[in-house]
């Protein structure tokens, strides 16, 4: 019996919802806090009929949608093999088609927020741009490490789908030489970089929300999953 088959044989619905009440409670508080910090000036410019404030709400909503879908997808795949039973060998292709657009929406929406925002962070544009560009460069390097050394399959949660992916060795090259979670710890710094490069207060608030929320996903969803797949 494979490792994943054994996990599924001994699983219950309690395993599926583990950490998700905390997840929803924390994100509700985080979203309320983030929205309360957003600026909504009367002279705000618009893109596609929406102001920076509106786009910030959209971006926060898309991030919440993304991580709820991922939490459901990971748990139902890990404990019920749902996607594989529904789509067979196309399971990870279907999952990527759901996952990737929502992931791409994060930086794209943040760029729109920064572009339309009229509320500055500090008015010290040169330091903001230098730091922003540095963080974006760091994030690009970390993303290269994810794609080349960690692989996209693993980044998409392939260890919830295939035993052979779960059995791949730990990565210690590129950004992973310095941190075992380059995706959450380093790649997401690019969101801060975008906000600083634009000098946008609303983009900074959304970057803060998104980076904090991904760690909520880590501790409420992925950490328990990793303990089941790899052991404590």
C-alpha atoms as a PDB file:
ATOM      1  CA  UNK A   1       0.000   0.000   0.000  1.00  0.00           C
ATOM      2  CA  UNK A   2       1.349   3.437  -0.933  1.00  0.00           C
ATOM      3  CA  UNK A   3       1.886   6.181   1.608  1.00  0.00           C
ATOM      4  CA  UNK A   4      -1.055   8.260   0.348  1.00  0.00           C
ATOM      5  CA  UNK A   5      -3.347   5.222   0.181  1.00  0.00           C
ATOM      6  CA  UNK A   6      -2.525   4.451   3.814  1.00  0.00           C
ATOM      7  CA  UNK A   7      -3.283   8.048   4.847  1.00  0.00           C
ATOM      8  CA  UNK A   8      -6.649   7.920   3.064  1.00  0.00           C
ATOM      9  CA  UNK A   9      -7.550   4.545   4.555  1.00  0.00           C
ATOM     10  CA  UNK A  10      -7.182   5.891   8.100  1.00  0.00           C
ATOM     11  CA  UNK A  11      -8.580   9.404   7.554  1.00  0.00           C
ATOM     12  CA  UNK A  12     -11.797  11.005   8.781  1.00  0.00           C
ATOM     13  CA  UNK A  13     -13.736  14.206   8.126  1.00  0.00           C
ATOM     14  CA  UNK A  14     -12.074  15.600  11.249  1.00  0.00           C
ATOM     15  CA  UNK A  15      -8.754  15.449   9.384  1.00  0.00           C
ATOM     16  CA  UNK A  16     -10.264  17.351   6.449  1.00  0.00           C
ATOM     17  CA  UNK A  17     -11.449  20.297   8.556  1.00  0.00           C
ATOM     18  CA  UNK A  18      -8.431  20.391  10.871  1.00  0.00           C
ATOM     19  CA  UNK A  19      -7.287  23.995  11.272  1.00  0.00           C
ATOM     20  CA  UNK A  20      -9.974  25.429   8.997  1.00  0.00           C
ATOM     21  CA  UNK A  21     -12.093  27.039  11.723  1.00  0.00           C
ATOM     22  CA  UNK A  22      -8.963  28.894  12.839  1.00  0.00           C
ATOM     23  CA  UNK A  23      -8.194  29.693   9.198  1.00  0.00           C
ATOM     24  CA  UNK A  24     -11.580  31.326   8.607  1.00  0.00           C
ATOM     25  CA  UNK A  25     -11.558  33.198  11.920  1.00  0.00           C
ATOM     26  CA  UNK A  26      -8.063  34.601  11.370  1.00  0.00           C
ATOM     27  CA  UNK A  27      -8.691  35.673   7.786  1.00  0.00           C
ATOM     28  CA  UNK A  28     -11.942  37.366   8.757  1.00  0.00           C
ATOM     29  CA  UNK A  29     -10.082  39.468  11.332  1.00  0.00           C
ATOM     30  CA  UNK A  30      -7.218  40.139   8.910  1.00  0.00           C
ATOM     31  CA  UNK A  31      -9.581  41.234   6.127  1.00  0.00           C
ATOM     32  CA  UNK A  32     -11.475  43.599   8.442  1.00  0.00           C
ATOM     33  CA  UNK A  33      -8.190  45.069   9.618  1.00  0.00           C
ATOM     34  CA  UNK A  34      -6.810  45.465   6.091  1.00  0.00           C
ATOM     35  CA  UNK A  35      -9.950  47.135   4.754  1.00  0.00           C
ATOM     36  CA  UNK A  36      -9.964  49.548   7.703  1.00  0.00           C
ATOM     37  CA  UNK A  37      -6.444  50.671   6.741  1.00  0.00           C
ATOM     38  CA  UNK A  38      -7.205  51.341   3.071  1.00  0.00           C
ATOM     39  CA  UNK A  39      -7.364  54.912   1.813  1.00  0.00           C
ATOM     40  CA  UNK A  40     -10.331  55.997  -0.315  1.00  0.00           C
ATOM     41  CA  UNK A  41      -9.689  59.597  -1.418  1.00  0.00           C
ATOM     42  CA  UNK A  42     -12.401  61.508  -3.241  1.00  0.00           C
ATOM     43  CA  UNK A  43     -10.058  62.353  -6.140  1.00  0.00           C
ATOM     44  CA  UNK A  44      -9.068  58.717  -6.796  1.00  0.00           C
ATOM     45  CA  UNK A  45      -8.372  57.764 -10.393  1.00  0.00           C
ATOM     46  CA  UNK A  46     -10.045  54.692 -11.907  1.00  0.00           C
ATOM     47  CA  UNK A  47      -9.167  51.678 -14.021  1.00  0.00           C
ATOM     48  CA  UNK A  48     -12.044  49.704 -15.536  1.00  0.00           C
ATOM     49  CA  UNK A  49     -14.435  51.870 -13.469  1.00  0.00           C
ATOM     50  CA  UNK A  50     -12.768  50.870 -10.184  1.00  0.00           C
ATOM     51  CA  UNK A  51     -10.595  52.995  -7.893  1.00  0.00           C
ATOM     52  CA  UNK A  52      -7.493  51.777  -6.081  1.00  0.00           C
ATOM     53  CA  UNK A  53      -9.667  51.181  -3.011  1.00  0.00           C
ATOM     54  CA  UNK A  54     -12.063  49.046  -5.058  1.00  0.00           C
ATOM     55  CA  UNK A  55      -9.212  47.069  -6.606  1.00  0.00           C
ATOM     56  CA  UNK A  56      -7.759  46.496  -3.147  1.00  0.00           C
ATOM     57  CA  UNK A  57     -11.061  44.963  -2.035  1.00  0.00           C
ATOM     58  CA  UNK A  58     -11.054  42.799  -5.183  1.00  0.00           C
ATOM     59  CA  UNK A  59      -7.456  41.709  -4.557  1.00  0.00           C
ATOM     60  CA  UNK A  60      -8.170  40.783  -0.946  1.00  0.00           C
ATOM     61  CA  UNK A  61     -11.269  38.861  -2.039  1.00  0.00           C
ATOM     62  CA  UNK A  62      -9.354  36.971  -4.727  1.00  0.00           C
ATOM     63  CA  UNK A  63      -6.624  36.034  -2.246  1.00  0.00           C
ATOM     64  CA  UNK A  64      -9.246  34.683   0.168  1.00  0.00           C
ATOM     65  CA  UNK A  65     -10.966  32.773  -2.643  1.00  0.00           C
ATOM     66  CA  UNK A  66      -7.618  31.345  -3.769  1.00  0.00           C
ATOM     67  CA  UNK A  67      -6.591  30.072  -0.370  1.00  0.00           C
ATOM     68  CA  UNK A  68     -10.002  28.628   0.507  1.00  0.00           C
ATOM     69  CA  UNK A  69      -9.999  26.733  -2.806  1.00  0.00           C
ATOM     70  CA  UNK A  70      -6.453  25.516  -2.129  1.00  0.00           C
ATOM     71  CA  UNK A  71      -7.331  24.418   1.403  1.00  0.00           C
ATOM     72  CA  UNK A  72     -10.356  22.481   0.111  1.00  0.00           C
ATOM     73  CA  UNK A  73      -8.432  21.058  -2.826  1.00  0.00           C
ATOM     74  CA  UNK A  74      -5.462  19.946  -0.738  1.00  0.00           C
ATOM     75  CA  UNK A  75      -7.555  18.328   1.973  1.00  0.00           C
ATOM     76  CA  UNK A  76     -10.050  16.580  -0.340  1.00  0.00           C
ATOM     77  CA  UNK A  77      -7.220  15.301  -2.519  1.00  0.00           C
ATOM     78  CA  UNK A  78      -5.035  14.173   0.370  1.00  0.00           C
ATOM     79  CA  UNK A  79      -7.781  12.419   2.325  1.00  0.00           C
ATOM     80  CA  UNK A  80     -10.362  11.508  -0.354  1.00  0.00           C
ATOM     81  CA  UNK A  81      -8.306  11.442  -3.588  1.00  0.00           C
ATOM     82  CA  UNK A  82     -11.126  13.566  -5.041  1.00  0.00           C
ATOM     83  CA  UNK A  83      -9.397  15.231  -7.990  1.00  0.00           C
ATOM     84  CA  UNK A  84      -7.785  12.009  -9.156  1.00  0.00           C
ATOM     85  CA  UNK A  85     -11.073  10.125  -8.936  1.00  0.00           C
ATOM     86  CA  UNK A  86     -12.808  12.891 -10.897  1.00  0.00           C
ATOM     87  CA  UNK A  87     -10.173  13.595 -13.569  1.00  0.00           C
ATOM     88  CA  UNK A  88      -7.805  10.624 -13.606  1.00  0.00           C
ATOM     89  CA  UNK A  89      -4.339  11.362 -15.013  1.00  0.00           C
ATOM     90  CA  UNK A  90      -5.444  14.924 -15.844  1.00  0.00           C
ATOM     91  CA  UNK A  91      -5.914  15.718 -12.145  1.00  0.00           C
ATOM     92  CA  UNK A  92      -2.846  17.924 -11.741  1.00  0.00           C
ATOM     93  CA  UNK A  93      -3.462  19.690 -15.068  1.00  0.00           C
ATOM     94  CA  UNK A  94      -6.986  20.596 -13.929  1.00  0.00           C
ATOM     95  CA  UNK A  95      -5.641  21.667 -10.548  1.00  0.00           C
ATOM     96  CA  UNK A  96      -2.989  23.874 -12.181  1.00  0.00           C
ATOM     97  CA  UNK A  97      -5.672  25.474 -14.384  1.00  0.00           C
ATOM     98  CA  UNK A  98      -7.579  26.444 -11.217  1.00  0.00           C
ATOM     99  CA  UNK A  99      -4.556  27.374  -9.119  1.00  0.00           C
ATOM    100  CA  UNK A 100      -2.358  29.392 -11.489  1.00  0.00           C
ATOM    101  CA  UNK A 101      -4.817  32.124 -12.619  1.00  0.00           C
ATOM    102  CA  UNK A 102      -5.691  32.913  -8.999  1.00  0.00           C
ATOM    103  CA  UNK A 103      -1.996  33.002  -8.113  1.00  0.00           C
ATOM    104  CA  UNK A 104      -1.249  35.326 -11.048  1.00  0.00           C
ATOM    105  CA  UNK A 105      -4.125  37.599  -9.979  1.00  0.00           C
ATOM    106  CA  UNK A 106      -2.195  38.538  -6.845  1.00  0.00           C
ATOM    107  CA  UNK A 107       0.650  40.559  -8.435  1.00  0.00           C
ATOM    108  CA  UNK A 108      -1.528  41.715 -11.351  1.00  0.00           C
ATOM    109  CA  UNK A 109      -4.182  43.198  -9.060  1.00  0.00           C
ATOM    110  CA  UNK A 110      -1.457  44.721  -6.896  1.00  0.00           C
ATOM    111  CA  UNK A 111       0.065  46.460  -9.929  1.00  0.00           C
ATOM    112  CA  UNK A 112      -3.355  47.918 -10.777  1.00  0.00           C
ATOM    113  CA  UNK A 113      -3.788  49.082  -7.178  1.00  0.00           C
ATOM    114  CA  UNK A 114      -0.394  50.780  -7.232  1.00  0.00           C
ATOM    115  CA  UNK A 115      -0.996  52.364 -10.613  1.00  0.00           C
ATOM    116  CA  UNK A 116      -4.351  53.901  -9.640  1.00  0.00           C
ATOM    117  CA  UNK A 117      -3.509  54.833  -6.054  1.00  0.00           C
ATOM    118  CA  UNK A 118      -3.074  58.503  -5.148  1.00  0.00           C
ATOM    119  CA  UNK A 119      -2.171  57.933  -1.477  1.00  0.00           C
ATOM    120  CA  UNK A 120       1.616  57.848  -0.946  1.00  0.00           C
ATOM    121  CA  UNK A 121       3.490  55.744   1.578  1.00  0.00           C
ATOM    122  CA  UNK A 122       6.197  58.218   2.643  1.00  0.00           C
ATOM    123  CA  UNK A 123       6.765  60.671  -0.268  1.00  0.00           C
ATOM    124  CA  UNK A 124      10.418  59.522  -0.264  1.00  0.00           C
ATOM    125  CA  UNK A 125      10.217  58.059  -3.732  1.00  0.00           C
ATOM    126  CA  UNK A 126      13.880  57.254  -4.358  1.00  0.00           C
ATOM    127  CA  UNK A 127      14.366  55.032  -1.271  1.00  0.00           C
ATOM    128  CA  UNK A 128      10.983  53.420  -1.895  1.00  0.00           C
ATOM    129  CA  UNK A 129      11.837  52.590  -5.504  1.00  0.00           C
ATOM    130  CA  UNK A 130      15.330  51.305  -4.681  1.00  0.00           C
ATOM    131  CA  UNK A 131      13.985  49.020  -1.943  1.00  0.00           C
ATOM    132  CA  UNK A 132      11.021  47.982  -4.098  1.00  0.00           C
ATOM    133  CA  UNK A 133      13.204  47.009  -7.060  1.00  0.00           C
ATOM    134  CA  UNK A 134      15.561  45.111  -4.739  1.00  0.00           C
ATOM    135  CA  UNK A 135      12.658  43.101  -3.281  1.00  0.00           C
ATOM    136  CA  UNK A 136      11.243  42.363  -6.741  1.00  0.00           C
ATOM    137  CA  UNK A 137      14.682  41.145  -7.897  1.00  0.00           C
ATOM    138  CA  UNK A 138      14.967  38.953  -4.789  1.00  0.00           C
ATOM    139  CA  UNK A 139      11.504  37.517  -5.457  1.00  0.00           C
ATOM    140  CA  UNK A 140      12.371  36.771  -9.106  1.00  0.00           C
ATOM    141  CA  UNK A 141      15.513  34.929  -7.994  1.00  0.00           C
ATOM    142  CA  UNK A 142      13.507  32.920  -5.474  1.00  0.00           C
ATOM    143  CA  UNK A 143      10.840  32.113  -8.081  1.00  0.00           C
ATOM    144  CA  UNK A 144      13.587  30.895 -10.424  1.00  0.00           C
ATOM    145  CA  UNK A 145      14.764  28.624  -7.612  1.00  0.00           C
ATOM    146  CA  UNK A 146      11.215  27.319  -7.135  1.00  0.00           C
ATOM    147  CA  UNK A 147      10.766  26.515 -10.834  1.00  0.00           C
ATOM    148  CA  UNK A 148      14.245  25.074 -11.449  1.00  0.00           C
ATOM    149  CA  UNK A 149      15.057  23.239  -8.212  1.00  0.00           C
ATOM    150  CA  UNK A 150      11.782  22.726  -6.356  1.00  0.00           C
ATOM    151  CA  UNK A 151       9.650  22.214  -9.532  1.00  0.00           C
ATOM    152  CA  UNK A 152       6.191  23.530 -10.311  1.00  0.00           C
ATOM    153  CA  UNK A 153       4.604  20.151  -9.537  1.00  0.00           C
ATOM    154  CA  UNK A 154       5.733  20.341  -5.924  1.00  0.00           C
ATOM    155  CA  UNK A 155       4.782  24.009  -5.668  1.00  0.00           C
ATOM    156  CA  UNK A 156       1.245  23.084  -6.742  1.00  0.00           C
ATOM    157  CA  UNK A 157       1.009  20.548  -3.907  1.00  0.00           C
ATOM    158  CA  UNK A 158       1.946  17.501  -5.962  1.00  0.00           C
ATOM    159  CA  UNK A 159       2.799  15.561  -2.815  1.00  0.00           C
ATOM    160  CA  UNK A 160      -0.965  15.457  -2.158  1.00  0.00           C
ATOM    161  CA  UNK A 161      -1.419  13.680  -5.519  1.00  0.00           C
ATOM    162  CA  UNK A 162       1.551  11.372  -6.151  1.00  0.00           C
ATOM    163  CA  UNK A 163       3.729   9.248  -3.876  1.00  0.00           C
ATOM    164  CA  UNK A 164       6.711   9.753  -6.181  1.00  0.00           C
ATOM    165  CA  UNK A 165       6.473  13.523  -5.695  1.00  0.00           C
ATOM    166  CA  UNK A 166       6.174  13.161  -1.917  1.00  0.00           C
ATOM    167  CA  UNK A 167       9.291  10.970  -1.972  1.00  0.00           C
ATOM    168  CA  UNK A 168      11.458  13.566  -3.747  1.00  0.00           C
ATOM    169  CA  UNK A 169      14.407  14.783  -1.613  1.00  0.00           C
ATOM    170  CA  UNK A 170      14.557  18.148   0.110  1.00  0.00           C
ATOM    171  CA  UNK A 171      15.912  21.012  -1.989  1.00  0.00           C
ATOM    172  CA  UNK A 172      19.012  22.909  -0.825  1.00  0.00           C
ATOM    173  CA  UNK A 173      19.901  24.895  -3.944  1.00  0.00           C
ATOM    174  CA  UNK A 174      19.241  28.492  -4.944  1.00  0.00           C
ATOM    175  CA  UNK A 175      17.059  30.332  -2.448  1.00  0.00           C
ATOM    176  CA  UNK A 176      16.380  27.015  -0.666  1.00  0.00           C
ATOM    177  CA  UNK A 177      20.003  27.020   0.447  1.00  0.00           C
ATOM    178  CA  UNK A 178      19.085  29.828   2.845  1.00  0.00           C
ATOM    179  CA  UNK A 179      15.485  28.973   3.762  1.00  0.00           C
ATOM    180  CA  UNK A 180      13.406  25.803   3.484  1.00  0.00           C
ATOM    181  CA  UNK A 181      10.356  27.816   2.426  1.00  0.00           C
ATOM    182  CA  UNK A 182      11.578  30.190  -0.275  1.00  0.00           C
ATOM    183  CA  UNK A 183       8.073  30.442  -1.766  1.00  0.00           C
ATOM    184  CA  UNK A 184       6.370  31.987   1.235  1.00  0.00           C
ATOM    185  CA  UNK A 185       9.401  33.585   2.837  1.00  0.00           C
ATOM    186  CA  UNK A 186      11.040  35.171  -0.217  1.00  0.00           C
ATOM    187  CA  UNK A 187       8.822  35.050  -3.331  1.00  0.00           C
ATOM    188  CA  UNK A 188       6.025  36.924  -1.556  1.00  0.00           C
ATOM    189  CA  UNK A 189       8.449  39.779  -0.811  1.00  0.00           C
ATOM    190  CA  UNK A 190       7.863  40.702  -4.444  1.00  0.00           C
ATOM    191  CA  UNK A 191       4.400  41.936  -3.459  1.00  0.00           C
ATOM    192  CA  UNK A 192       5.985  44.368  -1.016  1.00  0.00           C
ATOM    193  CA  UNK A 193       8.383  45.346  -3.789  1.00  0.00           C
ATOM    194  CA  UNK A 194       5.525  46.201  -6.153  1.00  0.00           C
ATOM    195  CA  UNK A 195       3.867  48.376  -3.519  1.00  0.00           C
ATOM    196  CA  UNK A 196       7.104  50.223  -2.744  1.00  0.00           C
ATOM    197  CA  UNK A 197       7.995  50.670  -6.412  1.00  0.00           C
ATOM    198  CA  UNK A 198       4.651  52.403  -6.972  1.00  0.00           C
ATOM    199  CA  UNK A 199       4.803  54.238  -3.638  1.00  0.00           C
ATOM    200  CA  UNK A 200       1.241  53.094  -3.034  1.00  0.00           C
ATOM    201  CA  UNK A 201      -0.263  52.943   0.441  1.00  0.00           C
ATOM    202  CA  UNK A 202      -3.174  50.727  -0.612  1.00  0.00           C
ATOM    203  CA  UNK A 203      -0.851  48.316  -2.415  1.00  0.00           C
ATOM    204  CA  UNK A 204       1.316  48.135   0.722  1.00  0.00           C
ATOM    205  CA  UNK A 205      -1.718  47.250   2.862  1.00  0.00           C
ATOM    206  CA  UNK A 206      -2.754  44.522   0.401  1.00  0.00           C
ATOM    207  CA  UNK A 207       0.814  43.167   0.193  1.00  0.00           C
ATOM    208  CA  UNK A 208       0.872  42.996   3.994  1.00  0.00           C
ATOM    209  CA  UNK A 209      -2.459  41.165   4.001  1.00  0.00           C
ATOM    210  CA  UNK A 210      -1.465  38.700   1.287  1.00  0.00           C
ATOM    211  CA  UNK A 211       1.910  37.858   2.811  1.00  0.00           C
ATOM    212  CA  UNK A 212       0.422  37.426   6.266  1.00  0.00           C
ATOM    213  CA  UNK A 213      -2.433  35.326   4.928  1.00  0.00           C
ATOM    214  CA  UNK A 214      -0.163  32.894   3.095  1.00  0.00           C
ATOM    215  CA  UNK A 215       1.439  32.072   6.446  1.00  0.00           C
ATOM    216  CA  UNK A 216      -2.033  31.440   7.879  1.00  0.00           C
ATOM    217  CA  UNK A 217      -2.453  28.899   5.070  1.00  0.00           C
ATOM    218  CA  UNK A 218       0.923  27.419   5.964  1.00  0.00           C
ATOM    219  CA  UNK A 219       0.139  26.862   9.627  1.00  0.00           C
ATOM    220  CA  UNK A 220      -3.554  25.987   9.348  1.00  0.00           C
ATOM    221  CA  UNK A 221      -3.483  23.797   6.233  1.00  0.00           C
ATOM    222  CA  UNK A 222      -0.058  22.856   4.939  1.00  0.00           C
ATOM    223  CA  UNK A 223       1.711  22.164   8.236  1.00  0.00           C
ATOM    224  CA  UNK A 224      -0.867  19.554   9.358  1.00  0.00           C
ATOM    225  CA  UNK A 225      -0.791  18.044   5.840  1.00  0.00           C
ATOM    226  CA  UNK A 226       3.004  17.807   5.921  1.00  0.00           C
ATOM    227  CA  UNK A 227       2.898  16.036   9.273  1.00  0.00           C
ATOM    228  CA  UNK A 228       0.535  13.429   7.819  1.00  0.00           C
ATOM    229  CA  UNK A 229       2.551  12.950   4.623  1.00  0.00           C
ATOM    230  CA  UNK A 230       6.089  13.111   6.020  1.00  0.00           C
ATOM    231  CA  UNK A 231       5.658  12.461   9.739  1.00  0.00           C
ATOM    232  CA  UNK A 232       6.429  14.804  12.634  1.00  0.00           C
END
